[in-house]
């Protein structure tokens, strides 16, 4: 495993990558690789948003975070 230097995600060493100054950097996507290639980045710039957890129905018909009527 490696850590994408742009977004901080853990990634397999099989996807997009870039060699710079003798080091190989691995990325979660070509977009993160391209963003890194535009300049020297040493800390995460952004985080990918993960899908929200699905809301679960309650016995009164309300969902988490909502009041039943």
C-alpha atoms as a PDB file:
ATOM      1  CA  UNK A   1       0.000   0.000   0.000  1.00  0.00           C
ATOM      2  CA  UNK A   2       0.954   3.607  -0.545  1.00  0.00           C
ATOM      3  CA  UNK A   3      -0.602   6.941   0.402  1.00  0.00           C
ATOM      4  CA  UNK A   4      -1.797   9.361  -2.273  1.00  0.00           C
ATOM      5  CA  UNK A   5       0.169  12.579  -1.534  1.00  0.00           C
ATOM      6  CA  UNK A   6      -2.685  14.762  -2.822  1.00  0.00           C
ATOM      7  CA  UNK A   7      -5.789  13.425  -1.063  1.00  0.00           C
ATOM      8  CA  UNK A   8      -4.239  11.162   1.586  1.00  0.00           C
ATOM      9  CA  UNK A   9      -6.087   7.989   0.535  1.00  0.00           C
ATOM     10  CA  UNK A  10      -4.403   4.603   0.938  1.00  0.00           C
ATOM     11  CA  UNK A  11      -3.911   3.138  -2.551  1.00  0.00           C
ATOM     12  CA  UNK A  12      -2.585  -0.036  -4.142  1.00  0.00           C
ATOM     13  CA  UNK A  13       0.706   0.256  -6.018  1.00  0.00           C
ATOM     14  CA  UNK A  14      -0.943  -0.748  -9.288  1.00  0.00           C
ATOM     15  CA  UNK A  15      -2.701   2.448 -10.411  1.00  0.00           C
ATOM     16  CA  UNK A  16      -1.639   5.873 -11.591  1.00  0.00           C
ATOM     17  CA  UNK A  17       1.845   6.857 -10.491  1.00  0.00           C
ATOM     18  CA  UNK A  18       4.543   9.424 -11.136  1.00  0.00           C
ATOM     19  CA  UNK A  19       8.295   9.380 -10.646  1.00  0.00           C
ATOM     20  CA  UNK A  20       9.879  12.559  -9.327  1.00  0.00           C
ATOM     21  CA  UNK A  21      13.403  13.094  -8.007  1.00  0.00           C
ATOM     22  CA  UNK A  22      14.013   9.341  -7.821  1.00  0.00           C
ATOM     23  CA  UNK A  23      10.840   8.610  -5.819  1.00  0.00           C
ATOM     24  CA  UNK A  24       7.681   6.937  -7.111  1.00  0.00           C
ATOM     25  CA  UNK A  25       4.375   8.450  -5.971  1.00  0.00           C
ATOM     26  CA  UNK A  26       1.118   6.475  -6.255  1.00  0.00           C
ATOM     27  CA  UNK A  27      -2.338   8.014  -6.688  1.00  0.00           C
ATOM     28  CA  UNK A  28      -6.001   7.048  -6.377  1.00  0.00           C
ATOM     29  CA  UNK A  29      -6.808   8.612  -9.758  1.00  0.00           C
ATOM     30  CA  UNK A  30      -5.300  10.329 -12.770  1.00  0.00           C
ATOM     31  CA  UNK A  31      -6.824  13.567 -11.440  1.00  0.00           C
ATOM     32  CA  UNK A  32      -4.786  13.415  -8.237  1.00  0.00           C
ATOM     33  CA  UNK A  33      -1.681  12.475 -10.235  1.00  0.00           C
ATOM     34  CA  UNK A  34      -2.196  15.455 -12.570  1.00  0.00           C
ATOM     35  CA  UNK A  35      -2.766  17.815  -9.633  1.00  0.00           C
ATOM     36  CA  UNK A  36       0.475  16.608  -8.038  1.00  0.00           C
ATOM     37  CA  UNK A  37       2.366  16.958 -11.331  1.00  0.00           C
ATOM     38  CA  UNK A  38       1.370  20.640 -11.572  1.00  0.00           C
ATOM     39  CA  UNK A  39       3.484  21.521  -8.532  1.00  0.00           C
ATOM     40  CA  UNK A  40       5.498  20.151  -5.663  1.00  0.00           C
ATOM     41  CA  UNK A  41       3.024  19.088  -2.964  1.00  0.00           C
ATOM     42  CA  UNK A  42       4.174  17.739   0.389  1.00  0.00           C
ATOM     43  CA  UNK A  43       0.873  17.645   2.309  1.00  0.00           C
ATOM     44  CA  UNK A  44      -2.647  16.530   1.409  1.00  0.00           C
ATOM     45  CA  UNK A  45      -4.525  19.196  -0.564  1.00  0.00           C
ATOM     46  CA  UNK A  46      -8.036  17.772  -0.444  1.00  0.00           C
ATOM     47  CA  UNK A  47      -9.965  14.767   0.750  1.00  0.00           C
ATOM     48  CA  UNK A  48     -12.319  12.732  -1.363  1.00  0.00           C
ATOM     49  CA  UNK A  49     -15.837  12.643   0.031  1.00  0.00           C
ATOM     50  CA  UNK A  50     -17.075   9.182   0.875  1.00  0.00           C
ATOM     51  CA  UNK A  51     -20.721   8.284   0.257  1.00  0.00           C
ATOM     52  CA  UNK A  52     -22.955   9.008   3.224  1.00  0.00           C
ATOM     53  CA  UNK A  53     -24.154   6.107   5.341  1.00  0.00           C
ATOM     54  CA  UNK A  54     -27.701   5.100   4.418  1.00  0.00           C
ATOM     55  CA  UNK A  55     -30.348   6.189   6.889  1.00  0.00           C
ATOM     56  CA  UNK A  56     -32.156   3.429   8.700  1.00  0.00           C
ATOM     57  CA  UNK A  57     -35.907   3.358   9.232  1.00  0.00           C
ATOM     58  CA  UNK A  58     -37.188   3.468  12.785  1.00  0.00           C
ATOM     59  CA  UNK A  59     -40.309   1.750  14.078  1.00  0.00           C
ATOM     60  CA  UNK A  60     -42.244   5.038  14.005  1.00  0.00           C
ATOM     61  CA  UNK A  61     -41.444   5.533  10.313  1.00  0.00           C
ATOM     62  CA  UNK A  62     -38.859   8.263  10.898  1.00  0.00           C
ATOM     63  CA  UNK A  63     -35.293   7.974   9.677  1.00  0.00           C
ATOM     64  CA  UNK A  64     -32.137   8.787  11.628  1.00  0.00           C
ATOM     65  CA  UNK A  65     -31.749  12.523  12.020  1.00  0.00           C
ATOM     66  CA  UNK A  66     -35.444  13.206  11.401  1.00  0.00           C
ATOM     67  CA  UNK A  67     -38.364  13.460  13.776  1.00  0.00           C
ATOM     68  CA  UNK A  68     -41.416  11.255  13.358  1.00  0.00           C
ATOM     69  CA  UNK A  69     -44.782  12.927  12.980  1.00  0.00           C
END
